[in-house]
């Protein structure tokens, strides 16, 4: 797999960085992320927005990261949240809308997000990216 294929089959988050050790990816912004596998040439971590939990459901997952909600977009059956992890990195989360009318988080709110190590896909960085 590569970044083009990962993005082509649907929206994905891409975090640039490097595999620091077996099972540990470090983003350019310094965030340490547990990953299932990868090789030393891996420079991108792809994570699908629907694989990321927001709030309390994130607590028992391999990766838990704090961030601030930059933007909330209602999309009918889904709500998308753009979360700022640090000044240089953001990640998008897609959450299904439930019977509740209100969003799970508001713009400017501090939140915790998380995902399983297996949800991340390590990829080589394509030329020109």
N, C-alpha and C. Protein backbone atom coordinates (compact mmCIF):
# COMPACT_ATOMS: atom_id res chain seq x y z
N UNK A 1 0.84 -1.19 0.00
CA UNK A 1 0.00 0.00 0.00
C UNK A 1 0.88 1.24 0.00
N UNK A 2 0.31 2.32 -0.52
CA UNK A 2 1.01 3.60 -0.48
C UNK A 2 0.01 4.70 -0.15
N UNK A 3 0.51 5.94 0.01
CA UNK A 3 -0.34 7.06 0.42
C UNK A 3 -1.43 7.34 -0.59
N UNK A 4 -1.14 7.22 -1.89
CA UNK A 4 -2.15 7.47 -2.92
C UNK A 4 -3.31 6.50 -2.76
N UNK A 5 -3.00 5.23 -2.61
CA UNK A 5 -4.05 4.21 -2.46
C UNK A 5 -4.83 4.44 -1.17
N UNK A 6 -4.14 4.73 -0.07
CA UNK A 6 -4.81 4.96 1.21
C UNK A 6 -5.77 6.14 1.13
N UNK A 7 -5.39 7.20 0.42
CA UNK A 7 -6.24 8.38 0.28
C UNK A 7 -7.34 8.13 -0.75
N UNK A 8 -7.04 7.35 -1.77
CA UNK A 8 -8.00 7.08 -2.84
C UNK A 8 -9.22 6.30 -2.35
N UNK A 9 -9.01 5.37 -1.44
CA UNK A 9 -10.13 4.53 -0.98
C UNK A 9 -10.97 5.22 0.08
N UNK A 10 -10.69 6.45 0.37
CA UNK A 10 -11.47 7.23 1.33
C UNK A 10 -10.56 8.19 2.07
N UNK A 11 -11.18 9.07 2.83
CA UNK A 11 -10.39 10.04 3.58
C UNK A 11 -9.46 9.34 4.56
N UNK A 12 -8.26 9.87 4.68
CA UNK A 12 -7.30 9.37 5.66
C UNK A 12 -6.56 10.55 6.25
N UNK A 13 -6.12 10.39 7.47
CA UNK A 13 -5.21 11.34 8.10
C UNK A 13 -3.80 10.85 7.82
N UNK A 14 -2.90 11.76 7.49
CA UNK A 14 -1.50 11.41 7.27
C UNK A 14 -0.63 12.22 8.21
N UNK A 15 0.12 11.54 9.05
CA UNK A 15 1.06 12.20 9.95
C UNK A 15 2.47 11.82 9.50
N UNK A 16 3.29 12.83 9.23
CA UNK A 16 4.68 12.58 8.83
C UNK A 16 5.53 12.33 10.06
N UNK A 17 6.51 11.45 9.89
CA UNK A 17 7.40 11.15 11.00
C UNK A 17 8.32 10.01 10.64
N UNK A 18 8.68 9.22 11.65
CA UNK A 18 9.59 8.10 11.41
C UNK A 18 9.33 7.00 12.43
N UNK A 19 9.70 5.81 12.06
CA UNK A 19 9.62 4.68 12.98
C UNK A 19 10.84 4.77 13.89
N UNK A 20 10.62 5.09 15.16
CA UNK A 20 11.73 5.29 16.10
C UNK A 20 12.25 3.97 16.64
N UNK A 21 11.36 3.02 16.81
CA UNK A 21 11.73 1.68 17.26
C UNK A 21 10.57 0.77 16.91
N UNK A 22 10.76 -0.51 17.13
CA UNK A 22 9.69 -1.45 16.81
C UNK A 22 8.42 -1.08 17.57
N UNK A 23 7.35 -0.85 16.81
CA UNK A 23 6.07 -0.54 17.43
C UNK A 23 5.90 0.89 17.89
N UNK A 24 6.85 1.80 17.54
CA UNK A 24 6.78 3.18 17.99
C UNK A 24 7.12 4.15 16.86
N UNK A 25 6.12 4.95 16.46
CA UNK A 25 6.26 5.97 15.41
C UNK A 25 6.27 7.33 16.10
N UNK A 26 7.18 8.21 15.69
CA UNK A 26 7.24 9.56 16.25
C UNK A 26 6.97 10.55 15.13
N UNK A 27 5.94 11.40 15.31
CA UNK A 27 5.58 12.37 14.28
C UNK A 27 6.61 13.51 14.27
N UNK A 28 6.57 14.30 13.19
CA UNK A 28 7.46 15.46 13.09
C UNK A 28 7.21 16.44 14.23
N UNK A 29 6.00 16.44 14.77
CA UNK A 29 5.66 17.31 15.89
C UNK A 29 6.02 16.72 17.25
N UNK A 30 6.61 15.51 17.26
CA UNK A 30 7.08 14.90 18.50
C UNK A 30 6.09 14.00 19.22
N UNK A 31 4.97 13.68 18.59
CA UNK A 31 3.99 12.81 19.23
C UNK A 31 4.41 11.35 19.04
N UNK A 32 4.47 10.61 20.14
CA UNK A 32 4.80 9.18 20.07
C UNK A 32 3.52 8.38 19.92
N UNK A 33 3.50 7.49 18.91
CA UNK A 33 2.31 6.71 18.59
C UNK A 33 2.68 5.23 18.52
N UNK A 34 1.90 4.41 19.19
CA UNK A 34 2.09 2.96 19.11
C UNK A 34 1.51 2.46 17.79
N UNK A 35 2.29 1.62 17.09
CA UNK A 35 1.86 1.06 15.81
C UNK A 35 2.05 -0.44 15.83
N UNK A 36 1.33 -1.13 14.94
CA UNK A 36 1.40 -2.59 14.91
C UNK A 36 2.71 -3.08 14.30
N UNK A 37 3.11 -2.53 13.18
CA UNK A 37 4.35 -2.95 12.53
C UNK A 37 4.74 -1.91 11.49
N UNK A 38 5.88 -2.12 10.88
CA UNK A 38 6.39 -1.22 9.86
C UNK A 38 7.87 -1.44 9.69
N UNK A 39 8.43 -0.78 8.69
CA UNK A 39 9.87 -0.90 8.50
C UNK A 39 10.51 0.49 8.59
N UNK A 40 11.83 0.50 8.59
CA UNK A 40 12.57 1.74 8.80
C UNK A 40 12.31 2.79 7.74
N UNK A 41 11.81 2.41 6.56
CA UNK A 41 11.54 3.38 5.49
C UNK A 41 10.19 4.09 5.67
N UNK A 42 9.41 3.68 6.66
CA UNK A 42 8.09 4.28 6.88
C UNK A 42 8.25 5.74 7.30
N UNK A 43 7.56 6.64 6.57
CA UNK A 43 7.63 8.07 6.85
C UNK A 43 6.26 8.70 7.06
N UNK A 44 5.19 7.93 6.80
CA UNK A 44 3.83 8.42 6.98
C UNK A 44 3.03 7.41 7.78
N UNK A 45 2.18 7.94 8.65
CA UNK A 45 1.22 7.10 9.36
C UNK A 45 -0.15 7.52 8.87
N UNK A 46 -0.89 6.58 8.28
CA UNK A 46 -2.25 6.85 7.80
C UNK A 46 -3.24 6.28 8.80
N UNK A 47 -4.23 7.09 9.15
CA UNK A 47 -5.28 6.65 10.09
C UNK A 47 -6.61 7.12 9.54
N UNK A 48 -7.54 6.20 9.38
CA UNK A 48 -8.87 6.53 8.89
C UNK A 48 -9.65 7.30 9.97
N UNK A 49 -10.37 8.36 9.58
CA UNK A 49 -11.11 9.16 10.58
C UNK A 49 -12.11 8.37 11.41
N UNK A 50 -12.72 7.35 10.82
CA UNK A 50 -13.73 6.58 11.56
C UNK A 50 -13.11 5.59 12.55
N UNK A 51 -11.79 5.40 12.51
CA UNK A 51 -11.10 4.48 13.42
C UNK A 51 -10.65 5.17 14.70
N UNK A 52 -10.92 6.47 14.80
CA UNK A 52 -10.45 7.26 15.94
C UNK A 52 -11.63 7.54 16.88
N UNK A 53 -11.44 7.23 18.15
CA UNK A 53 -12.48 7.47 19.16
C UNK A 53 -12.25 8.84 19.79
N UNK A 54 -13.34 9.43 20.26
CA UNK A 54 -13.30 10.76 20.87
C UNK A 54 -13.87 10.69 22.28
N UNK A 55 -13.17 11.27 23.24
CA UNK A 55 -13.67 11.32 24.61
C UNK A 55 -13.51 10.00 25.36
N UNK A 56 -14.48 9.66 26.18
CA UNK A 56 -14.41 8.48 27.06
C UNK A 56 -14.09 7.18 26.30
N UNK A 57 -14.64 6.91 25.10
CA UNK A 57 -14.30 5.67 24.41
C UNK A 57 -12.81 5.54 24.06
N UNK A 58 -12.06 6.64 24.07
CA UNK A 58 -10.63 6.60 23.74
C UNK A 58 -9.77 6.08 24.91
N UNK A 59 -10.32 6.06 26.10
CA UNK A 59 -9.53 5.79 27.30
C UNK A 59 -8.86 4.42 27.34
N UNK A 60 -9.46 3.39 26.81
CA UNK A 60 -8.87 2.07 26.88
C UNK A 60 -8.04 1.68 25.67
N UNK A 61 -7.76 2.62 24.78
CA UNK A 61 -7.07 2.32 23.52
C UNK A 61 -5.55 2.49 23.63
N UNK A 62 -4.83 1.89 22.68
CA UNK A 62 -3.36 1.92 22.69
C UNK A 62 -2.81 3.35 22.66
N UNK A 63 -3.40 4.19 21.83
CA UNK A 63 -2.94 5.57 21.67
C UNK A 63 -3.99 6.51 22.22
N UNK A 64 -3.58 7.40 23.11
CA UNK A 64 -4.45 8.44 23.65
C UNK A 64 -3.69 9.76 23.55
N UNK A 65 -4.28 10.71 22.86
CA UNK A 65 -3.62 11.99 22.60
C UNK A 65 -4.59 13.10 22.94
N UNK A 66 -4.08 14.15 23.53
CA UNK A 66 -4.91 15.32 23.82
C UNK A 66 -4.81 16.30 22.66
N UNK A 67 -5.90 17.01 22.43
CA UNK A 67 -5.93 18.02 21.39
C UNK A 67 -7.04 19.02 21.66
N UNK A 68 -7.20 19.96 20.74
CA UNK A 68 -8.23 20.98 20.84
C UNK A 68 -9.05 20.96 19.56
N UNK A 69 -10.37 21.01 19.69
CA UNK A 69 -11.25 20.98 18.53
C UNK A 69 -11.11 22.30 17.76
N UNK A 70 -10.67 22.19 16.50
CA UNK A 70 -10.53 23.36 15.61
C UNK A 70 -11.83 23.65 14.88
N UNK A 71 -12.50 22.56 14.46
CA UNK A 71 -13.69 22.74 13.64
C UNK A 71 -14.62 21.54 13.81
N UNK A 72 -15.92 21.80 13.81
CA UNK A 72 -16.95 20.76 13.86
C UNK A 72 -17.82 20.93 12.62
N UNK A 73 -17.97 19.85 11.84
CA UNK A 73 -18.77 19.90 10.62
C UNK A 73 -19.83 18.81 10.66
N UNK A 74 -21.09 19.21 10.64
CA UNK A 74 -22.21 18.27 10.62
C UNK A 74 -22.41 17.81 9.17
N UNK A 75 -22.43 16.50 8.95
CA UNK A 75 -22.56 15.94 7.60
C UNK A 75 -23.73 14.96 7.50
N UNK A 76 -24.82 15.25 8.17
CA UNK A 76 -25.98 14.36 8.13
C UNK A 76 -25.81 13.20 9.09
N UNK A 77 -25.42 12.05 8.57
CA UNK A 77 -25.27 10.87 9.42
C UNK A 77 -23.96 10.88 10.22
N UNK A 78 -23.05 11.78 9.88
CA UNK A 78 -21.75 11.88 10.55
C UNK A 78 -21.49 13.31 11.01
N UNK A 79 -20.64 13.44 12.00
CA UNK A 79 -20.06 14.73 12.34
C UNK A 79 -18.55 14.56 12.26
N UNK A 80 -17.89 15.50 11.57
CA UNK A 80 -16.43 15.49 11.49
C UNK A 80 -15.87 16.51 12.46
N UNK A 81 -14.80 16.11 13.13
CA UNK A 81 -14.10 16.98 14.06
C UNK A 81 -12.66 17.11 13.60
N UNK A 82 -12.20 18.35 13.39
CA UNK A 82 -10.77 18.55 13.11
C UNK A 82 -10.13 18.94 14.44
N UNK A 83 -9.16 18.12 14.87
CA UNK A 83 -8.52 18.28 16.16
C UNK A 83 -7.08 18.74 15.96
N UNK A 84 -6.72 19.83 16.62
CA UNK A 84 -5.33 20.31 16.59
C UNK A 84 -4.56 19.59 17.69
N UNK A 85 -3.52 18.85 17.27
CA UNK A 85 -2.71 18.09 18.21
C UNK A 85 -1.57 18.94 18.77
N UNK A 86 -1.04 19.80 17.91
CA UNK A 86 0.03 20.73 18.27
C UNK A 86 0.02 21.82 17.19
N UNK A 87 0.88 22.82 17.25
CA UNK A 87 0.80 23.89 16.25
C UNK A 87 0.91 23.44 14.80
N UNK A 88 1.58 22.31 14.54
CA UNK A 88 1.80 21.88 13.16
C UNK A 88 0.95 20.69 12.71
N UNK A 89 0.26 20.00 13.61
CA UNK A 89 -0.42 18.76 13.24
C UNK A 89 -1.89 18.77 13.65
N UNK A 90 -2.73 18.35 12.70
CA UNK A 90 -4.15 18.17 12.97
C UNK A 90 -4.56 16.77 12.53
N UNK A 91 -5.70 16.34 13.05
CA UNK A 91 -6.24 15.04 12.68
C UNK A 91 -7.76 15.19 12.60
N UNK A 92 -8.37 14.48 11.65
CA UNK A 92 -9.82 14.54 11.48
C UNK A 92 -10.44 13.25 11.99
N UNK A 93 -11.53 13.41 12.74
CA UNK A 93 -12.28 12.28 13.29
C UNK A 93 -13.68 12.32 12.72
N UNK A 94 -14.23 11.17 12.33
CA UNK A 94 -15.62 11.06 11.90
C UNK A 94 -16.38 10.23 12.94
N UNK A 95 -17.46 10.78 13.45
CA UNK A 95 -18.28 10.08 14.44
C UNK A 95 -19.70 9.99 13.93
N UNK A 96 -20.32 8.81 14.05
CA UNK A 96 -21.73 8.71 13.64
C UNK A 96 -22.61 9.55 14.55
N UNK A 97 -23.61 10.18 13.98
CA UNK A 97 -24.57 10.94 14.78
C UNK A 97 -25.56 9.97 15.40
N UNK A 98 -25.81 10.16 16.68
CA UNK A 98 -26.75 9.32 17.41
C UNK A 98 -28.08 10.05 17.52
N UNK A 99 -28.94 9.56 18.36
CA UNK A 99 -30.23 10.20 18.58
C UNK A 99 -30.08 11.59 19.21
N UNK A 100 -28.95 11.79 19.88
CA UNK A 100 -28.72 13.10 20.49
C UNK A 100 -28.44 14.12 19.39
N UNK A 101 -28.99 15.30 19.52
CA UNK A 101 -28.83 16.33 18.51
C UNK A 101 -27.51 17.09 18.65
N UNK A 102 -26.95 17.12 19.86
CA UNK A 102 -25.75 17.93 20.07
C UNK A 102 -24.48 17.17 19.66
N UNK A 103 -23.46 17.94 19.31
CA UNK A 103 -22.17 17.37 18.94
C UNK A 103 -21.48 16.82 20.19
N UNK A 104 -20.55 15.90 20.01
CA UNK A 104 -19.81 15.30 21.12
C UNK A 104 -18.76 16.25 21.69
N UNK A 105 -18.37 17.23 20.91
CA UNK A 105 -17.37 18.22 21.33
C UNK A 105 -17.63 19.52 20.58
N UNK A 106 -17.24 20.62 21.19
CA UNK A 106 -17.45 21.94 20.60
C UNK A 106 -16.12 22.56 20.18
N UNK A 107 -16.19 23.48 19.23
CA UNK A 107 -15.00 24.19 18.79
C UNK A 107 -14.32 24.85 19.99
N UNK A 108 -12.99 24.69 20.08
CA UNK A 108 -12.22 25.27 21.17
C UNK A 108 -12.09 24.38 22.39
N UNK A 109 -12.84 23.28 22.42
CA UNK A 109 -12.84 22.37 23.57
C UNK A 109 -11.60 21.47 23.56
N UNK A 110 -11.01 21.25 24.74
CA UNK A 110 -9.92 20.29 24.89
C UNK A 110 -10.54 18.89 24.91
N UNK A 111 -9.97 17.96 24.16
CA UNK A 111 -10.51 16.61 24.05
C UNK A 111 -9.38 15.58 24.10
N UNK A 112 -9.76 14.34 24.34
CA UNK A 112 -8.85 13.20 24.24
C UNK A 112 -9.34 12.35 23.08
N UNK A 113 -8.43 11.94 22.23
CA UNK A 113 -8.77 11.03 21.14
C UNK A 113 -7.87 9.82 21.22
N UNK A 114 -8.30 8.73 20.61
CA UNK A 114 -7.51 7.52 20.69
C UNK A 114 -7.85 6.52 19.61
N UNK A 115 -6.93 5.57 19.41
CA UNK A 115 -7.15 4.49 18.44
C UNK A 115 -6.23 3.33 18.78
N UNK A 116 -6.61 2.17 18.28
CA UNK A 116 -5.81 0.96 18.46
C UNK A 116 -4.55 1.05 17.59
N UNK A 117 -3.48 0.43 18.02
CA UNK A 117 -2.23 0.43 17.25
C UNK A 117 -2.46 -0.13 15.85
N UNK A 118 -3.33 -1.13 15.73
CA UNK A 118 -3.58 -1.78 14.43
C UNK A 118 -4.34 -0.88 13.46
N UNK A 119 -4.93 0.21 13.95
CA UNK A 119 -5.69 1.11 13.07
C UNK A 119 -4.80 1.99 12.21
N UNK A 120 -3.54 2.14 12.61
CA UNK A 120 -2.61 2.95 11.83
C UNK A 120 -1.89 2.12 10.78
N UNK A 121 -1.70 2.71 9.61
CA UNK A 121 -1.00 2.04 8.52
C UNK A 121 0.26 2.82 8.21
N UNK A 122 1.43 2.18 8.35
CA UNK A 122 2.69 2.85 8.05
C UNK A 122 3.01 2.73 6.57
N UNK A 123 3.42 3.86 5.99
CA UNK A 123 3.68 3.93 4.55
C UNK A 123 4.98 4.66 4.27
N UNK A 124 5.63 4.34 3.13
CA UNK A 124 6.77 5.16 2.73
C UNK A 124 6.23 6.49 2.20
N UNK A 125 6.99 7.55 2.33
CA UNK A 125 6.55 8.84 1.81
C UNK A 125 6.73 8.85 0.31
N UNK A 126 5.67 9.18 -0.45
CA UNK A 126 5.81 9.20 -1.90
C UNK A 126 6.64 10.41 -2.35
N UNK A 127 7.23 10.30 -3.50
CA UNK A 127 8.01 11.40 -4.07
C UNK A 127 7.10 12.59 -4.32
N UNK A 128 7.58 13.77 -4.00
CA UNK A 128 6.81 14.99 -4.27
C UNK A 128 5.77 15.31 -3.23
N UNK A 129 5.70 14.58 -2.15
CA UNK A 129 4.68 14.86 -1.12
C UNK A 129 5.27 15.71 -0.02
